[in-house]
């Protein structure tokens, strides 16, 4: 196993090593039925396979797809590989032996990104597909209802529609293996100071409005943006987050693991004192978060970012994979 170039700290009994490096800016992770890890590289338009054929904890790097338009979300379902580019969702025939993907069909188009170009895919147990689409701006009234929203369709891409709205940038989403509910992170708007608005964790429900751009956090009216005067509180019918995260932490990948929830805090870029830059473990009681503790730290040294964790994927035997788009690596966590 190859050591990480900087000292990451984990709880006693856990080890972390470099699974693959020099990947550019790795983002979303997905594991095939056969246990092959895939990673998206939106900045270079590629999807890579990272097989560890000799089980030494170091992956080979194999290019699966190239020349794509900001491919971010990748997911396996029913033997197919689904890929979310900035402006479309496509389905590929996946060959587990040759580690190749051949386009099966384009499912549906998506609006161009503007400020937020990443799209992410998740499936529930019924085979319904969810796609997260960020806003085109920091804070504005969107013209296209598909922006700042979650889209739902079946796995054939039929009848896509808005499932949930008012989500500025729910970059990553995941389905609970226990309740089959859709969970998502939410990055709050910028330029309200160091401590506002909070970032969020939401349980996403059909037809629900999560507030952006008018409201944030626990149904707080954003009067710095919305100067309208209301007879009735405009946030009263919005859905509050189940958990608030310190502002500008930039939550990204989330993974349900051993009964708890792991979340990557990518880290702040516009705060006087940096925050985030770690992976936390959130203790769950059903669908409630009852405690938070650091799980992996050391990505930040003083005010210098050594790494920025992005996604977390659970392997077939409970091992963890973590992408880092600052160091260009994918890490391997075992116990």
Protein backbone atom coordinates (compact mmCIF):
# COMPACT_ATOMS: atom_id res chain seq x y z
CA UNK A 1 0.00 0.00 0.00
CA UNK A 2 1.18 3.51 -0.83
CA UNK A 3 1.14 6.10 1.98
CA UNK A 4 -0.63 9.44 1.62
CA UNK A 5 1.70 12.39 1.04
CA UNK A 6 0.40 14.29 4.06
CA UNK A 7 -0.66 13.10 7.52
CA UNK A 8 -4.34 12.22 7.56
CA UNK A 9 -5.80 11.28 10.92
CA UNK A 10 -8.41 8.56 11.47
CA UNK A 11 -9.85 6.83 14.54
CA UNK A 12 -7.79 4.06 16.09
CA UNK A 13 -7.95 0.84 14.10
CA UNK A 14 -8.35 2.44 10.67
CA UNK A 15 -5.72 2.75 7.96
CA UNK A 16 -5.68 4.97 4.87
CA UNK A 17 -3.54 4.63 1.76
CA UNK A 18 -3.41 5.90 -1.82
CA UNK A 19 -5.45 3.65 -4.11
CA UNK A 20 -4.74 5.71 -7.25
CA UNK A 21 -3.00 9.03 -7.87
CA UNK A 22 -2.31 11.52 -10.68
CA UNK A 23 -5.95 11.38 -11.75
CA UNK A 24 -6.45 15.11 -12.29
CA UNK A 25 -9.55 16.19 -10.37
CA UNK A 26 -11.44 13.01 -9.41
CA UNK A 27 -15.02 13.47 -8.28
CA UNK A 28 -17.89 10.95 -8.23
CA UNK A 29 -17.27 7.28 -7.41
CA UNK A 30 -19.29 4.17 -8.25
CA UNK A 31 -18.70 0.44 -7.81
CA UNK A 32 -19.85 -2.19 -10.29
CA UNK A 33 -21.46 -5.50 -9.33
CA UNK A 34 -18.06 -7.13 -9.73
CA UNK A 35 -16.41 -4.69 -7.37
CA UNK A 36 -14.68 -2.45 -9.92
CA UNK A 37 -14.36 1.17 -8.80
CA UNK A 38 -15.10 3.89 -11.35
CA UNK A 39 -14.37 7.59 -10.98
CA UNK A 40 -15.49 10.61 -12.98
CA UNK A 41 -13.05 13.36 -14.02
CA UNK A 42 -15.31 16.20 -15.23
CA UNK A 43 -12.41 18.59 -15.86
CA UNK A 44 -10.94 16.27 -18.50
CA UNK A 45 -14.21 14.80 -19.80
CA UNK A 46 -13.38 11.25 -18.74
CA UNK A 47 -14.61 8.30 -16.71
CA UNK A 48 -11.92 5.92 -15.43
CA UNK A 49 -11.94 2.38 -14.06
CA UNK A 50 -9.61 1.61 -11.15
CA UNK A 51 -9.27 -2.19 -10.93
CA UNK A 52 -6.98 -3.73 -8.31
CA UNK A 53 -6.31 -6.99 -10.09
CA UNK A 54 -3.62 -8.29 -7.75
CA UNK A 55 -5.31 -7.06 -4.54
CA UNK A 56 -2.30 -5.08 -3.38
CA UNK A 57 -4.27 -1.93 -2.56
CA UNK A 58 -3.01 -0.10 -5.67
CA UNK A 59 -5.22 0.35 -8.71
CA UNK A 60 -4.52 0.30 -12.38
CA UNK A 61 -5.99 3.26 -14.27
CA UNK A 62 -8.08 2.40 -17.34
CA UNK A 63 -9.91 4.97 -19.45
CA UNK A 64 -13.53 3.91 -19.93
CA UNK A 65 -15.06 7.03 -21.52
CA UNK A 66 -13.54 10.22 -22.92
CA UNK A 67 -14.49 13.47 -24.67
CA UNK A 68 -17.61 13.92 -22.54
CA UNK A 69 -19.13 17.24 -21.46
CA UNK A 70 -18.36 17.67 -17.75
CA UNK A 71 -19.24 14.09 -16.78
CA UNK A 72 -19.86 14.08 -13.04
CA UNK A 73 -22.52 11.67 -11.81
CA UNK A 74 -21.91 7.97 -12.40
CA UNK A 75 -24.02 5.10 -11.09
CA UNK A 76 -24.68 1.43 -11.78
CA UNK A 77 -28.18 -0.03 -11.98
CA UNK A 78 -29.48 -3.24 -13.55
CA UNK A 79 -26.08 -3.92 -15.07
CA UNK A 80 -25.94 -0.57 -16.88
CA UNK A 81 -23.61 2.35 -16.25
CA UNK A 82 -25.45 5.68 -16.06
CA UNK A 83 -23.51 8.89 -16.68
CA UNK A 84 -24.64 12.45 -16.01
CA UNK A 85 -22.94 14.99 -18.22
CA UNK A 86 -23.71 18.68 -17.84
CA UNK A 87 -26.48 18.59 -20.44
CA UNK A 88 -27.64 14.98 -20.66
CA UNK A 89 -28.16 11.64 -18.96
CA UNK A 90 -26.95 8.57 -20.86
CA UNK A 91 -26.98 4.84 -20.28
CA UNK A 92 -24.12 2.55 -21.26
CA UNK A 93 -23.74 -1.19 -21.62
CA UNK A 94 -21.04 -2.13 -19.13
CA UNK A 95 -18.68 -5.06 -19.75
CA UNK A 96 -17.25 -6.31 -16.47
CA UNK A 97 -14.57 -8.39 -18.20
CA UNK A 98 -13.12 -5.87 -20.63
CA UNK A 99 -13.97 -2.86 -18.42
CA UNK A 100 -15.52 -1.06 -21.37
CA UNK A 101 -18.73 0.92 -21.77
CA UNK A 102 -20.71 1.28 -25.00
CA UNK A 103 -23.49 3.83 -25.36
CA UNK A 104 -26.89 2.16 -25.14
CA UNK A 105 -29.06 5.27 -25.34
CA UNK A 106 -29.34 8.90 -24.39
CA UNK A 107 -32.12 9.16 -21.82
CA UNK A 108 -32.91 12.88 -21.60
CA UNK A 109 -31.36 16.33 -21.87
CA UNK A 110 -30.53 18.67 -18.99
CA UNK A 111 -30.22 22.47 -18.89
CA UNK A 112 -26.77 24.04 -19.17
CA UNK A 113 -25.09 24.64 -15.88
CA UNK A 114 -23.99 28.24 -15.61
CA UNK A 115 -22.43 28.55 -12.15
CA UNK A 116 -22.98 24.89 -11.21
CA UNK A 117 -22.24 22.28 -13.88
CA UNK A 118 -22.17 19.06 -11.87
CA UNK A 119 -25.07 16.60 -11.99
CA UNK A 120 -25.31 13.52 -9.78
CA UNK A 121 -27.38 10.32 -10.05
CA UNK A 122 -28.94 8.04 -7.43
CA UNK A 123 -31.39 5.13 -7.62
CA UNK A 124 -33.87 3.88 -5.06
CA UNK A 125 -35.00 0.28 -4.56
CA UNK A 126 -37.86 0.74 -7.03
CA UNK A 127 -35.38 1.60 -9.76
CA UNK A 128 -36.43 5.25 -9.89
CA UNK A 129 -33.62 7.55 -10.93
CA UNK A 130 -32.92 10.88 -9.24
CA UNK A 131 -30.70 13.57 -10.79
CA UNK A 132 -29.49 16.63 -8.89
CA UNK A 133 -29.10 19.86 -10.87
CA UNK A 134 -27.59 22.97 -9.32
CA UNK A 135 -28.51 26.61 -9.82
CA UNK A 136 -27.14 28.78 -12.62
CA UNK A 137 -26.20 31.51 -10.15
CA UNK A 138 -25.28 32.22 -6.54
CA UNK A 139 -28.72 33.61 -5.72
CA UNK A 140 -31.44 34.43 -8.27
CA UNK A 141 -34.88 33.47 -9.54
CA UNK A 142 -34.35 30.65 -12.02
CA UNK A 143 -36.11 30.73 -15.38
CA UNK A 144 -35.91 26.97 -15.89
CA UNK A 145 -37.66 24.94 -13.14
CA UNK A 146 -35.17 22.11 -13.64
CA UNK A 147 -32.35 24.24 -12.24
CA UNK A 148 -31.83 24.15 -8.47
CA UNK A 149 -33.88 20.97 -8.31
CA UNK A 150 -33.97 17.19 -8.18
CA UNK A 151 -35.36 15.43 -11.25
CA UNK A 152 -37.00 11.99 -11.11
CA UNK A 153 -37.63 9.45 -13.87
CA UNK A 154 -37.63 5.70 -14.28
CA UNK A 155 -34.38 3.99 -15.31
CA UNK A 156 -35.48 4.15 -18.94
CA UNK A 157 -35.56 7.93 -18.66
CA UNK A 158 -39.32 8.12 -19.18
CA UNK A 159 -41.33 11.18 -18.13
CA UNK A 160 -38.63 13.08 -16.21
CA UNK A 161 -40.06 15.78 -13.94
CA UNK A 162 -39.15 17.97 -10.99
CA UNK A 163 -39.20 15.95 -7.77
CA UNK A 164 -37.96 18.58 -5.29
CA UNK A 165 -37.03 22.24 -5.72
CA UNK A 166 -35.46 25.16 -3.89
CA UNK A 167 -32.03 23.48 -3.74
CA UNK A 168 -29.22 25.84 -4.70
CA UNK A 169 -26.63 23.12 -5.15
CA UNK A 170 -27.41 19.63 -3.85
CA UNK A 171 -24.18 18.40 -5.39
CA UNK A 172 -24.44 14.86 -4.01
CA UNK A 173 -27.46 12.72 -3.21
CA UNK A 174 -27.80 9.20 -1.79
CA UNK A 175 -30.58 6.78 -0.95
CA UNK A 176 -30.80 5.35 2.56
CA UNK A 177 -30.43 1.55 2.48
CA UNK A 178 -32.73 1.36 5.51
CA UNK A 179 -35.62 3.71 4.71
CA UNK A 180 -35.14 4.12 0.92
CA UNK A 181 -35.44 7.88 1.44
CA UNK A 182 -33.43 10.25 -0.72
CA UNK A 183 -30.91 12.33 1.21
CA UNK A 184 -28.94 15.27 -0.14
CA UNK A 185 -26.43 17.88 0.86
CA UNK A 186 -27.03 21.55 0.12
CA UNK A 187 -24.49 24.34 -0.26
CA UNK A 188 -25.78 27.70 0.90
CA UNK A 189 -25.27 30.97 -0.97
CA UNK A 190 -22.15 33.12 -0.70
CA UNK A 191 -21.44 36.61 0.63
CA UNK A 192 -23.56 36.68 3.78
CA UNK A 193 -20.49 36.62 6.01
CA UNK A 194 -18.48 33.89 7.69
CA UNK A 195 -21.36 32.21 9.48
CA UNK A 196 -24.38 32.47 7.18
CA UNK A 197 -26.16 30.75 5.65
CA UNK A 198 -25.65 27.24 7.02
CA UNK A 199 -24.99 24.41 4.65
CA UNK A 200 -27.56 21.65 4.99
CA UNK A 201 -28.50 18.01 4.97
CA UNK A 202 -32.01 17.38 3.68
CA UNK A 203 -34.29 14.40 3.32
CA UNK A 204 -35.77 15.06 -0.10
CA UNK A 205 -39.48 14.46 -0.68
CA UNK A 206 -41.74 14.64 -3.71
CA UNK A 207 -43.18 18.12 -4.39
CA UNK A 208 -41.26 19.68 -1.49
CA UNK A 209 -39.70 23.17 -1.65
CA UNK A 210 -36.44 23.59 0.29
CA UNK A 211 -36.49 27.37 0.15
CA UNK A 212 -33.70 28.72 -2.05
CA UNK A 213 -33.38 31.51 -3.10
CA UNK A 214 -35.90 33.10 -0.73
CA UNK A 215 -35.17 31.06 2.41
CA UNK A 216 -32.27 29.24 4.03
CA UNK A 217 -31.61 27.12 7.10
CA UNK A 218 -34.52 26.72 9.48
CA UNK A 219 -36.97 28.68 7.30
CA UNK A 220 -35.04 31.97 7.56
CA UNK A 221 -36.12 34.64 5.07
CA UNK A 222 -33.15 35.91 3.04
CA UNK A 223 -34.02 39.61 3.11
CA UNK A 224 -30.64 40.58 1.67
CA UNK A 225 -31.85 39.08 -1.61
CA UNK A 226 -35.64 39.20 -1.38
CA UNK A 227 -36.81 42.74 -0.62
CA UNK A 228 -40.50 41.98 -1.09
CA UNK A 229 -42.91 42.61 1.77
CA UNK A 230 -45.25 39.73 2.59
CA UNK A 231 -48.46 39.44 4.58
CA UNK A 232 -47.61 35.78 5.21
CA UNK A 233 -44.14 34.41 5.94
CA UNK A 234 -42.78 33.26 2.54
CA UNK A 235 -40.81 30.49 4.24
CA UNK A 236 -43.71 28.93 6.12
CA UNK A 237 -44.38 26.28 3.48
CA UNK A 238 -40.74 25.41 2.80
CA UNK A 239 -39.00 22.38 4.30
CA UNK A 240 -36.27 22.95 6.87
CA UNK A 241 -33.11 20.83 6.80
CA UNK A 242 -32.79 17.89 9.15
CA UNK A 243 -29.30 19.14 10.04
CA UNK A 244 -27.39 22.39 9.64
CA UNK A 245 -23.68 22.33 8.81
CA UNK A 246 -21.35 25.30 9.53
CA UNK A 247 -21.50 27.84 6.72
CA UNK A 248 -19.10 27.37 3.79
CA UNK A 249 -18.07 23.85 4.85
CA UNK A 250 -19.16 22.76 1.34
CA UNK A 251 -20.63 19.30 1.99
CA UNK A 252 -20.24 16.92 -0.94
CA UNK A 253 -20.24 13.11 -1.01
CA UNK A 254 -22.36 11.21 1.48
CA UNK A 255 -22.37 7.49 2.18
CA UNK A 256 -24.42 5.33 4.53
CA UNK A 257 -21.95 3.07 6.32
CA UNK A 258 -22.32 0.70 9.28
CA UNK A 259 -25.55 2.32 10.38
CA UNK A 260 -24.21 5.87 10.27
CA UNK A 261 -23.66 8.57 7.65
CA UNK A 262 -20.30 9.78 6.34
CA UNK A 263 -20.08 13.19 4.68
CA UNK A 264 -17.16 14.96 2.99
CA UNK A 265 -16.68 18.62 3.85
CA UNK A 266 -14.86 19.89 0.75
CA UNK A 267 -13.81 23.08 2.53
CA UNK A 268 -14.40 26.83 2.31
CA UNK A 269 -12.96 29.28 -0.20
CA UNK A 270 -14.55 32.55 0.95
CA UNK A 271 -14.31 32.54 4.73
CA UNK A 272 -11.84 34.55 6.83
CA UNK A 273 -10.90 31.37 8.73
CA UNK A 274 -11.05 28.13 6.71
CA UNK A 275 -13.63 25.55 7.69
CA UNK A 276 -14.44 22.06 6.48
CA UNK A 277 -11.63 20.05 4.85
CA UNK A 278 -12.54 16.78 6.55
CA UNK A 279 -14.87 13.80 6.58
CA UNK A 280 -17.32 13.54 9.45
CA UNK A 281 -19.37 10.64 10.77
CA UNK A 282 -22.94 11.43 11.72
CA UNK A 283 -24.61 9.09 14.17
CA UNK A 284 -28.08 8.08 13.04
CA UNK A 285 -31.18 7.02 14.90
CA UNK A 286 -33.54 6.08 12.09
CA UNK A 287 -33.62 9.16 9.91
CA UNK A 288 -32.44 11.53 12.64
CA UNK A 289 -28.88 12.76 13.16
CA UNK A 290 -28.07 12.50 16.86
CA UNK A 291 -24.35 13.23 16.90
CA UNK A 292 -21.37 14.27 14.78
CA UNK A 293 -17.70 13.40 15.10
CA UNK A 294 -14.63 13.82 12.92
CA UNK A 295 -13.67 10.72 10.97
CA UNK A 296 -10.82 11.81 8.68
CA UNK A 297 -8.92 15.05 9.27
CA UNK A 298 -5.58 16.47 8.17
CA UNK A 299 -6.59 17.83 4.77
CA UNK A 300 -5.91 21.34 6.12
CA UNK A 301 -2.59 22.51 7.59
CA UNK A 302 -3.01 25.95 9.12
CA UNK A 303 -4.63 27.87 6.29
CA UNK A 304 -3.15 25.66 3.55
CA UNK A 305 -5.33 23.04 1.90
CA UNK A 306 -3.36 19.85 1.30
CA UNK A 307 -6.41 17.98 0.02
CA UNK A 308 -10.15 18.42 -0.50
CA UNK A 309 -12.31 15.32 -0.02
CA UNK A 310 -15.12 14.91 -2.54
CA UNK A 311 -16.98 11.60 -2.70
CA UNK A 312 -17.12 8.52 -0.48
CA UNK A 313 -17.97 5.06 -1.78
CA UNK A 314 -18.47 1.92 0.30
CA UNK A 315 -16.88 -1.23 -1.12
CA UNK A 316 -18.42 -4.69 -1.13
CA UNK A 317 -16.66 -5.65 2.12
CA UNK A 318 -17.18 -2.38 3.99
CA UNK A 319 -13.95 -0.74 2.88
CA UNK A 320 -14.12 2.93 1.87
CA UNK A 321 -12.89 4.84 -1.14
CA UNK A 322 -12.49 8.64 -1.02
CA UNK A 323 -11.83 10.96 -3.96
CA UNK A 324 -9.75 14.13 -3.51
CA UNK A 325 -9.82 16.71 -6.30
CA UNK A 326 -7.04 18.80 -4.75
CA UNK A 327 -4.38 16.08 -4.51
CA UNK A 328 -5.69 14.19 -7.55
CA UNK A 329 -5.97 10.91 -5.67
CA UNK A 330 -8.42 8.27 -4.56
CA UNK A 331 -7.79 6.89 -1.07
CA UNK A 332 -8.50 3.44 0.35
CA UNK A 333 -9.69 3.11 3.97
CA UNK A 334 -9.68 -0.21 5.81
CA UNK A 335 -9.99 -1.39 9.38
